[in-house]
């Protein structure tokens, strides 16, 4: 039996439904699991994972999203919208551009591997919004809405978890962040805590990926087994009440938890099972191994995975940082695209790469910045691939210096609407509001605006 079959066999949703029916308790699946695991002590890792699914509005072309979040804001002219003719005050030492395998498309000079894969992705060079603040910009890009209303809307991952977080993931949560929470906004918004992401913690590049609640630091699998045996030995109450329905519920929850810790599901996070040559291809660093982990999660049907790739807030010594980070991004992302394509997964997996904004095209050379770039929401770029997005395409353009959008401005809501549509989620679908108000995935006529237009040119 393969891993996917095992996960389906042990589906939390099915087990929770059976137990609730048997006990006649008016509790949600999540609340039942939460209470049972609280009694287990230390097995709270399943909290919030038994999410119900809602029917999609249209036929989905994609089933998963890998969002590579360049936390802090990358400079578009160093990555996907190079301007080598703009001169030193804009390009600094990165004053060249690479031709790609698609005629007419150039990218930054430190991205040679990605240059060989331009036929697999599209570049959006005209993203724009009005915020230069991390928190506000993150909210705009992740929700498609401007802040300031009475509601805090859910981010894209929470929306996808609400609509797609059904039994197809088995024991795995539908919204996973590798490795730290993004921390700039409330990801779940008014949908509530059960739609927050599961942040793995740990570092997939270390010899043992210590996933929060699944792989305990310094505790071997054998020691976990001995702990479980000791728990059973001390369970005098259970032996005195054989067949008790409430205890049987607890035992079922314990079994699910240990399946994640010690069973086939838990082995999903063991990257040592991958061949060395595959791990080397991605890069033996946190970002590269996170990309490999994301591919493994996609293979198991997880709908939304975010790689929180930190370190792009380069107010000082920007080019020193870029000389380290751009080769990492180039290697890990190109390996991910090729691996997904080779395994037949790219056609059903959206890969979305961007930050909350760009950075000032004009460089600040004077102290204390010493060649830094500030926040810049007026013009920035994104890469999208797979899941129905057409490769080898470019949407929009900026001017000679990269400071102004001059062709096909794209608001983040338009990109999100396109992603949702490819997933089979109606951008105007209703979301459940705790006060019963009419709320939708993205702004629309009921809020006095037209629905976001889709990026039809790359869909």
Protein backbone atom coordinates (compact mmCIF):
# COMPACT_ATOMS: atom_id res chain seq x y z
CA UNK A 1 0.00 0.00 0.00
CA UNK A 2 1.45 3.41 -0.95
CA UNK A 3 1.58 6.50 1.23
CA UNK A 4 -1.44 8.14 -0.36
CA UNK A 5 -3.57 5.06 0.31
CA UNK A 6 -2.41 4.99 3.90
CA UNK A 7 -3.29 8.62 4.36
CA UNK A 8 -6.73 8.08 2.93
CA UNK A 9 -7.25 5.03 5.11
CA UNK A 10 -6.48 7.09 8.18
CA UNK A 11 -8.49 10.15 7.17
CA UNK A 12 -9.29 12.32 10.17
CA UNK A 13 -12.48 13.54 8.63
CA UNK A 14 -13.94 10.10 8.24
CA UNK A 15 -12.92 9.03 11.72
CA UNK A 16 -14.19 12.24 13.31
CA UNK A 17 -17.57 11.93 11.57
CA UNK A 18 -17.97 8.33 12.73
CA UNK A 19 -17.10 9.18 16.31
CA UNK A 20 -19.38 12.19 16.48
CA UNK A 21 -22.30 10.15 15.14
CA UNK A 22 -21.62 7.38 17.62
CA UNK A 23 -21.38 9.69 20.61
CA UNK A 24 -24.15 12.04 19.57
CA UNK A 25 -22.06 15.06 20.57
CA UNK A 26 -22.85 18.48 19.04
CA UNK A 27 -19.18 19.27 18.45
CA UNK A 28 -17.29 20.13 15.30
CA UNK A 29 -14.75 17.63 14.03
CA UNK A 30 -11.95 20.01 14.93
CA UNK A 31 -13.29 20.59 18.46
CA UNK A 32 -13.62 16.85 19.05
CA UNK A 33 -10.05 16.24 17.93
CA UNK A 34 -8.80 19.19 19.97
CA UNK A 35 -10.39 17.94 23.17
CA UNK A 36 -9.20 14.41 22.68
CA UNK A 37 -5.65 15.44 21.94
CA UNK A 38 -5.55 17.83 24.90
CA UNK A 39 -6.15 14.82 27.12
CA UNK A 40 -3.29 13.03 25.43
CA UNK A 41 -0.83 15.74 26.45
CA UNK A 42 1.56 16.82 23.76
CA UNK A 43 -0.51 15.47 20.83
CA UNK A 44 -2.09 18.77 19.91
CA UNK A 45 -0.43 18.71 16.51
CA UNK A 46 -3.67 17.66 14.83
CA UNK A 47 -5.47 20.78 16.03
CA UNK A 48 -7.26 22.45 13.18
CA UNK A 49 -6.45 19.91 10.49
CA UNK A 50 -9.83 18.23 9.92
CA UNK A 51 -11.19 20.90 7.64
CA UNK A 52 -14.31 20.58 5.59
CA UNK A 53 -14.29 21.09 1.88
CA UNK A 54 -16.56 23.35 -0.13
CA UNK A 55 -17.52 22.64 -3.71
CA UNK A 56 -15.47 24.53 -6.30
CA UNK A 57 -17.24 26.90 -8.63
CA UNK A 58 -15.67 25.61 -11.83
CA UNK A 59 -13.58 22.79 -13.18
CA UNK A 60 -10.11 23.11 -11.67
CA UNK A 61 -7.02 22.94 -13.83
CA UNK A 62 -4.72 23.12 -10.80
CA UNK A 63 -4.94 21.25 -7.53
CA UNK A 64 -2.07 22.80 -5.53
CA UNK A 65 -0.16 26.05 -5.10
CA UNK A 66 3.47 26.46 -4.08
CA UNK A 67 3.87 30.07 -3.05
CA UNK A 68 7.48 31.21 -2.74
CA UNK A 69 7.20 34.30 -0.61
CA UNK A 70 10.26 36.53 -0.90
CA UNK A 71 9.73 38.08 2.50
CA UNK A 72 10.91 41.66 2.66
CA UNK A 73 10.48 42.52 -1.01
CA UNK A 74 12.90 41.63 -3.84
CA UNK A 75 14.12 44.17 -6.39
CA UNK A 76 12.36 43.51 -9.68
CA UNK A 77 15.21 44.85 -11.85
CA UNK A 78 17.67 42.41 -10.24
CA UNK A 79 15.38 39.44 -10.89
CA UNK A 80 12.64 39.39 -13.50
CA UNK A 81 12.69 42.88 -15.08
CA UNK A 82 16.35 43.78 -15.73
CA UNK A 83 17.27 47.27 -16.92
CA UNK A 84 20.96 47.07 -17.90
CA UNK A 85 20.69 50.24 -19.98
CA UNK A 86 19.59 52.34 -16.98
CA UNK A 87 23.13 52.82 -15.70
CA UNK A 88 25.05 52.42 -12.46
CA UNK A 89 22.64 54.38 -10.24
CA UNK A 90 19.96 51.79 -11.00
CA UNK A 91 21.81 48.56 -11.76
CA UNK A 92 24.96 48.87 -9.70
CA UNK A 93 27.25 45.90 -10.43
CA UNK A 94 24.32 43.86 -11.84
CA UNK A 95 24.52 45.69 -15.14
CA UNK A 96 23.85 42.82 -17.54
CA UNK A 97 20.86 40.66 -18.45
CA UNK A 98 20.60 37.04 -19.53
CA UNK A 99 18.82 35.89 -22.65
CA UNK A 100 16.51 33.00 -21.87
CA UNK A 101 15.41 29.99 -23.88
CA UNK A 102 12.43 32.10 -25.04
CA UNK A 103 13.34 34.72 -27.61
CA UNK A 104 12.82 38.27 -26.35
CA UNK A 105 12.67 37.44 -22.63
CA UNK A 106 15.60 38.49 -20.47
CA UNK A 107 16.10 38.03 -16.73
CA UNK A 108 18.72 39.02 -14.15
CA UNK A 109 22.32 37.99 -14.70
CA UNK A 110 22.54 35.88 -11.53
CA UNK A 111 19.72 33.56 -12.67
CA UNK A 112 21.35 31.36 -15.35
CA UNK A 113 19.45 28.18 -14.47
CA UNK A 114 16.08 29.93 -14.58
CA UNK A 115 17.08 31.38 -17.95
CA UNK A 116 17.01 27.83 -19.33
CA UNK A 117 13.43 27.31 -18.10
CA UNK A 118 11.63 30.45 -19.31
CA UNK A 119 9.34 28.30 -21.42
CA UNK A 120 7.86 26.97 -18.16
CA UNK A 121 6.93 30.28 -16.51
CA UNK A 122 5.33 33.64 -17.16
CA UNK A 123 6.61 36.95 -15.80
CA UNK A 124 4.30 39.70 -14.56
CA UNK A 125 6.34 42.89 -14.72
CA UNK A 126 3.60 45.40 -13.91
CA UNK A 127 2.35 44.54 -10.44
CA UNK A 128 1.49 47.68 -8.55
CA UNK A 129 -0.13 48.97 -5.37
CA UNK A 130 0.17 52.08 -3.23
CA UNK A 131 1.84 50.80 -0.08
CA UNK A 132 5.50 50.87 0.96
CA UNK A 133 4.89 49.35 4.40
CA UNK A 134 5.61 45.64 4.94
CA UNK A 135 2.45 44.80 6.88
CA UNK A 136 0.06 46.74 4.65
CA UNK A 137 1.68 45.57 1.43
CA UNK A 138 1.69 41.94 2.59
CA UNK A 139 -2.02 42.19 3.34
CA UNK A 140 -2.75 43.68 -0.09
CA UNK A 141 -0.78 41.02 -1.98
CA UNK A 142 -2.09 38.12 0.09
CA UNK A 143 -5.76 39.14 0.25
CA UNK A 144 -6.28 41.36 -2.81
CA UNK A 145 -7.82 44.05 -0.60
CA UNK A 146 -6.72 47.34 0.85
CA UNK A 147 -6.67 47.48 4.65
CA UNK A 148 -8.89 49.79 6.61
CA UNK A 149 -12.25 48.03 6.50
CA UNK A 150 -13.90 46.66 9.63
CA UNK A 151 -12.90 43.11 8.60
CA UNK A 152 -9.55 41.35 8.38
CA UNK A 153 -9.82 39.17 5.29
CA UNK A 154 -8.12 35.76 4.94
CA UNK A 155 -4.93 35.32 2.94
CA UNK A 156 -4.82 33.17 -0.18
CA UNK A 157 -3.63 30.07 1.68
CA UNK A 158 -6.54 30.23 4.12
CA UNK A 159 -9.03 30.76 1.30
CA UNK A 160 -7.69 27.72 -0.55
CA UNK A 161 -7.73 25.70 2.68
CA UNK A 162 -11.40 26.61 3.18
CA UNK A 163 -12.44 25.55 -0.30
CA UNK A 164 -9.98 22.71 -0.88
CA UNK A 165 -9.13 21.42 2.60
CA UNK A 166 -11.01 18.16 2.34
CA UNK A 167 -10.08 14.54 2.84
CA UNK A 168 -7.67 14.44 -0.09
CA UNK A 169 -4.80 15.42 2.23
CA UNK A 170 -5.52 12.63 4.71
CA UNK A 171 -3.64 13.37 7.91
CA UNK A 172 -1.80 16.33 6.45
CA UNK A 173 -3.06 19.90 6.96
CA UNK A 174 -4.21 21.67 3.79
CA UNK A 175 -2.14 24.83 4.35
CA UNK A 176 1.53 24.36 5.28
CA UNK A 177 4.29 26.94 5.69
CA UNK A 178 7.94 26.04 5.37
CA UNK A 179 9.31 26.84 7.87
CA UNK A 180 8.32 29.99 9.81
CA UNK A 181 4.99 31.87 9.83
CA UNK A 182 5.10 34.96 7.68
CA UNK A 183 4.22 37.12 10.64
CA UNK A 184 3.22 40.25 8.72
CA UNK A 185 -0.54 39.75 8.90
CA UNK A 186 -3.25 37.43 10.22
CA UNK A 187 -3.28 34.68 7.61
CA UNK A 188 -6.72 33.33 8.49
CA UNK A 189 -8.49 36.65 9.08
CA UNK A 190 -12.13 36.28 10.04
CA UNK A 191 -12.16 32.62 8.95
CA UNK A 192 -10.62 31.83 12.33
CA UNK A 193 -7.75 29.84 13.73
CA UNK A 194 -8.60 26.51 12.12
CA UNK A 195 -7.62 28.00 8.75
CA UNK A 196 -4.24 29.22 9.92
CA UNK A 197 -1.27 27.46 8.32
CA UNK A 198 0.69 24.69 9.95
CA UNK A 199 4.21 26.10 10.24
CA UNK A 200 6.70 23.25 10.29
CA UNK A 201 9.53 25.01 12.12
CA UNK A 202 12.88 23.27 11.89
CA UNK A 203 15.26 23.35 8.94
CA UNK A 204 14.92 20.83 6.09
CA UNK A 205 18.61 21.31 5.26
CA UNK A 206 19.72 19.83 8.59
CA UNK A 207 20.42 16.09 8.91
CA UNK A 208 17.02 15.67 10.59
CA UNK A 209 14.11 17.92 9.67
CA UNK A 210 12.59 18.56 13.10
CA UNK A 211 8.98 19.31 12.18
CA UNK A 212 7.01 20.92 15.00
CA UNK A 213 4.85 18.37 16.79
CA UNK A 214 6.00 15.50 14.55
CA UNK A 215 9.76 15.18 14.86
CA UNK A 216 10.84 16.06 18.39
CA UNK A 217 14.34 17.54 18.80
CA UNK A 218 16.75 14.96 20.17
CA UNK A 219 14.13 12.20 20.34
CA UNK A 220 14.62 9.18 18.09
CA UNK A 221 11.78 7.14 16.64
CA UNK A 222 12.73 4.26 18.95
CA UNK A 223 12.47 6.51 21.97
CA UNK A 224 9.05 7.70 20.78
CA UNK A 225 7.93 4.08 20.59
CA UNK A 226 9.14 3.43 24.12
CA UNK A 227 7.29 6.51 25.35
CA UNK A 228 4.10 5.25 23.76
CA UNK A 229 4.56 1.84 25.35
CA UNK A 230 5.06 3.49 28.74
CA UNK A 231 1.89 5.53 28.21
CA UNK A 232 -0.05 2.32 27.64
CA UNK A 233 1.50 0.64 30.66
CA UNK A 234 0.40 3.52 32.88
CA UNK A 235 -3.12 3.58 31.48
CA UNK A 236 -4.83 1.88 34.43
CA UNK A 237 -8.05 3.79 33.78
CA UNK A 238 -8.32 2.36 30.30
CA UNK A 239 -7.83 -1.18 31.54
CA UNK A 240 -10.55 -0.70 34.16
CA UNK A 241 -13.04 0.65 31.60
CA UNK A 242 -12.76 -1.60 28.55
CA UNK A 243 -14.95 -0.55 25.66
CA UNK A 244 -15.72 2.91 27.05
CA UNK A 245 -16.85 5.07 24.11
CA UNK A 246 -15.11 8.25 25.27
CA UNK A 247 -11.83 6.44 25.77
CA UNK A 248 -12.17 4.79 22.38
CA UNK A 249 -12.39 8.28 20.92
CA UNK A 250 -9.17 9.19 22.70
CA UNK A 251 -7.46 6.04 21.42
CA UNK A 252 -8.48 6.87 17.86
CA UNK A 253 -6.96 10.33 18.17
CA UNK A 254 -3.80 8.88 19.67
CA UNK A 255 -3.52 6.46 16.77
CA UNK A 256 -3.83 9.29 14.27
CA UNK A 257 -1.17 11.33 16.05
CA UNK A 258 1.31 8.49 16.19
CA UNK A 259 0.68 7.69 12.55
CA UNK A 260 2.05 11.13 11.82
CA UNK A 261 4.95 10.76 14.24
CA UNK A 262 6.02 7.19 13.51
CA UNK A 263 4.02 5.94 10.53
CA UNK A 264 4.21 6.38 6.79
CA UNK A 265 2.74 9.88 6.97
CA UNK A 266 5.56 11.08 9.20
CA UNK A 267 8.17 9.70 6.82
CA UNK A 268 7.03 12.25 4.27
CA UNK A 269 9.16 14.84 6.08
CA UNK A 270 12.26 12.65 6.04
CA UNK A 271 14.28 14.10 3.18
CA UNK A 272 17.03 11.55 3.67
CA UNK A 273 14.75 9.25 1.65
CA UNK A 274 15.52 11.36 -1.43
CA UNK A 275 18.59 10.41 -3.51
CA UNK A 276 21.64 12.55 -2.80
CA UNK A 277 21.78 13.72 -6.40
CA UNK A 278 18.22 15.08 -6.13
CA UNK A 279 18.98 16.93 -2.91
CA UNK A 280 22.16 18.33 -4.42
CA UNK A 281 20.28 19.55 -7.47
CA UNK A 282 17.99 21.67 -5.27
CA UNK A 283 20.88 23.01 -3.20
CA UNK A 284 21.86 21.94 0.30
CA UNK A 285 20.44 25.04 1.95
CA UNK A 286 17.19 25.88 3.70
CA UNK A 287 15.50 27.32 0.61
CA UNK A 288 16.57 24.56 -1.76
CA UNK A 289 15.49 21.79 0.59
CA UNK A 290 12.21 23.64 1.26
CA UNK A 291 11.53 23.51 -2.48
CA UNK A 292 12.17 19.76 -2.43
CA UNK A 293 9.87 19.38 0.59
CA UNK A 294 7.18 21.37 -1.22
CA UNK A 295 7.36 18.97 -4.16
CA UNK A 296 6.85 16.03 -1.78
CA UNK A 297 3.82 17.76 -0.23
CA UNK A 298 2.33 18.42 -3.67
CA UNK A 299 2.72 14.72 -4.47
CA UNK A 300 0.50 13.97 -1.48
CA UNK A 301 -2.19 16.43 -2.56
CA UNK A 302 -1.62 19.30 -0.11
CA UNK A 303 -3.51 22.24 -1.65
CA UNK A 304 -1.38 25.16 -0.46
CA UNK A 305 2.28 25.30 0.50
CA UNK A 306 4.14 28.51 1.28
CA UNK A 307 7.92 28.69 1.35
CA UNK A 308 8.68 31.67 3.54
CA UNK A 309 12.02 32.73 2.06
CA UNK A 310 13.35 35.50 4.28
CA UNK A 311 16.14 38.01 3.83
CA UNK A 312 15.01 40.29 0.97
CA UNK A 313 14.65 43.52 2.99
CA UNK A 314 17.96 44.94 1.76
CA UNK A 315 18.14 48.55 2.92
CA UNK A 316 21.89 48.16 3.31
CA UNK A 317 24.55 46.36 1.28
CA UNK A 318 21.96 45.15 -1.17
CA UNK A 319 24.34 43.70 -3.72
CA UNK A 320 26.34 41.70 -1.19
CA UNK A 321 23.08 40.04 -0.14
CA UNK A 322 21.97 39.48 -3.75
CA UNK A 323 25.24 37.72 -4.56
CA UNK A 324 24.26 35.12 -1.95
CA UNK A 325 20.50 34.89 -2.33
CA UNK A 326 19.98 35.05 -6.08
CA UNK A 327 22.09 31.93 -6.79
CA UNK A 328 20.12 30.08 -4.07
CA UNK A 329 16.82 31.17 -5.60
CA UNK A 330 18.04 30.30 -9.09
CA UNK A 331 19.13 26.80 -8.16
CA UNK A 332 16.20 25.82 -5.95
CA UNK A 333 13.43 27.27 -8.11
CA UNK A 334 14.80 25.91 -11.39
CA UNK A 335 15.17 22.45 -9.82
CA UNK A 336 11.58 22.63 -8.56
CA UNK A 337 10.18 23.58 -11.96
CA UNK A 338 12.12 20.82 -13.72
CA UNK A 339 11.25 18.22 -11.09
CA UNK A 340 7.54 19.05 -11.23
CA UNK A 341 7.62 18.89 -15.02
CA UNK A 342 9.49 15.57 -15.07
CA UNK A 343 6.95 14.03 -12.69
CA UNK A 344 3.92 15.30 -14.59
CA UNK A 345 2.97 17.62 -11.72
CA UNK A 346 3.64 21.06 -13.19
CA UNK A 347 0.42 21.09 -15.19
CA UNK A 348 -1.57 20.78 -11.96
CA UNK A 349 0.64 22.83 -9.63
CA UNK A 350 0.78 26.63 -9.60
CA UNK A 351 4.14 28.05 -8.60
CA UNK A 352 3.90 31.71 -7.55
CA UNK A 353 7.03 33.73 -6.71
CA UNK A 354 6.87 37.30 -5.39
CA UNK A 355 7.23 39.48 -2.33
CA UNK A 356 4.97 42.12 -0.85
CA UNK A 357 6.49 44.82 -3.07
CA UNK A 358 9.68 45.62 -4.97
CA UNK A 359 12.58 47.84 -4.05
CA UNK A 360 13.57 51.31 -5.21
CA UNK A 361 15.22 51.08 -8.61
CA UNK A 362 17.46 54.02 -7.77
CA UNK A 363 20.22 52.83 -5.45
CA UNK A 364 21.12 54.67 -2.24
CA UNK A 365 24.90 54.78 -2.36
CA UNK A 366 25.51 57.17 0.52
CA UNK A 367 26.11 56.05 4.14
CA UNK A 368 24.64 54.40 6.11
CA UNK A 369 22.97 52.53 3.20
CA UNK A 370 26.14 51.81 1.22
CA UNK A 371 24.34 50.59 -1.86
CA UNK A 372 20.89 49.78 -0.48
CA UNK A 373 17.36 49.80 -1.83
CA UNK A 374 14.18 50.87 -0.01
CA UNK A 375 10.57 49.67 -0.24
CA UNK A 376 8.77 50.20 -3.55
CA UNK A 377 5.13 49.27 -4.14
CA UNK A 378 4.63 51.32 -7.29
CA UNK A 379 6.19 48.69 -9.56
CA UNK A 380 7.27 45.12 -8.89
CA UNK A 381 7.28 41.71 -10.52
CA UNK A 382 6.17 38.12 -10.03
CA UNK A 383 6.83 34.74 -11.64
CA UNK A 384 3.99 32.27 -12.12
CA UNK A 385 4.19 28.79 -13.59
CA UNK A 386 2.14 25.66 -13.99
CA UNK A 387 -1.45 24.84 -13.12
CA UNK A 388 -2.83 26.43 -16.30
CA UNK A 389 -0.51 29.43 -16.57
CA UNK A 390 1.22 29.61 -19.97
CA UNK A 391 5.00 29.57 -20.01
CA UNK A 392 7.23 31.80 -22.10
CA UNK A 393 5.04 34.87 -21.65
CA UNK A 394 5.44 38.38 -20.22
CA UNK A 395 2.61 40.55 -18.88
CA UNK A 396 3.04 44.31 -18.57
CA UNK A 397 6.10 46.54 -18.65
CA UNK A 398 7.86 49.26 -16.71
CA UNK A 399 9.77 52.24 -18.04
CA UNK A 400 13.51 52.42 -18.78
CA UNK A 401 14.45 52.72 -15.10
CA UNK A 402 11.84 50.37 -13.68
CA UNK A 403 10.19 53.14 -11.68
CA UNK A 404 6.82 53.36 -13.43
CA UNK A 405 4.38 50.84 -14.87
CA UNK A 406 3.77 51.84 -18.47
CA UNK A 407 1.86 48.84 -19.82
CA UNK A 408 -0.94 46.64 -18.41
CA UNK A 409 -0.86 47.52 -14.69
CA UNK A 410 -1.80 44.47 -12.59
CA UNK A 411 -3.24 44.78 -9.09
CA UNK A 412 -2.58 41.83 -6.76
CA UNK A 413 -6.32 41.06 -6.74
CA UNK A 414 -6.11 40.25 -10.45
CA UNK A 415 -3.30 37.76 -9.87
CA UNK A 416 -5.20 36.18 -6.98
CA UNK A 417 -8.41 35.99 -9.03
CA UNK A 418 -6.49 34.18 -11.77
CA UNK A 419 -4.96 31.72 -9.28
CA UNK A 420 -8.33 31.03 -7.66
CA UNK A 421 -9.98 30.50 -11.04
CA UNK A 422 -7.36 27.95 -12.10
CA UNK A 423 -7.98 26.14 -8.80
CA UNK A 424 -11.72 26.03 -9.53
CA UNK A 425 -12.56 28.64 -6.89
CA UNK A 426 -14.96 31.42 -7.89
CA UNK A 427 -13.33 34.76 -6.95
CA UNK A 428 -16.84 36.01 -6.11
CA UNK A 429 -17.75 33.01 -3.95
CA UNK A 430 -19.16 33.69 -0.50
CA UNK A 431 -17.00 33.32 2.58
CA UNK A 432 -18.51 32.52 5.99
CA UNK A 433 -18.45 35.59 8.21
CA UNK A 434 -18.69 35.24 12.02
CA UNK A 435 -21.37 37.97 12.10
CA UNK A 436 -23.24 36.63 9.10
CA UNK A 437 -22.38 39.52 6.78
CA UNK A 438 -22.09 38.95 3.03
CA UNK A 439 -18.40 38.62 2.29
CA UNK A 440 -16.65 37.33 -0.80
CA UNK A 441 -13.28 35.89 -1.73
CA UNK A 442 -12.32 39.09 -3.59
CA UNK A 443 -13.96 42.51 -3.96
CA UNK A 444 -16.88 42.72 -6.38
CA UNK A 445 -20.13 44.48 -7.22
CA UNK A 446 -21.60 44.18 -3.73
CA UNK A 447 -18.71 46.33 -2.52
CA UNK A 448 -19.21 48.88 -5.24
CA UNK A 449 -16.41 47.75 -7.53
CA UNK A 450 -16.12 45.51 -10.54
CA UNK A 451 -14.67 42.03 -10.03
CA UNK A 452 -10.92 41.77 -10.66
CA UNK A 453 -10.13 40.97 -14.26
CA UNK A 454 -8.27 37.78 -14.97
CA UNK A 455 -4.84 37.47 -16.56
CA UNK A 456 -6.36 35.84 -19.62
CA UNK A 457 -3.26 36.45 -21.69
CA UNK A 458 -1.37 33.85 -19.66
CA UNK A 459 -4.23 31.45 -18.79
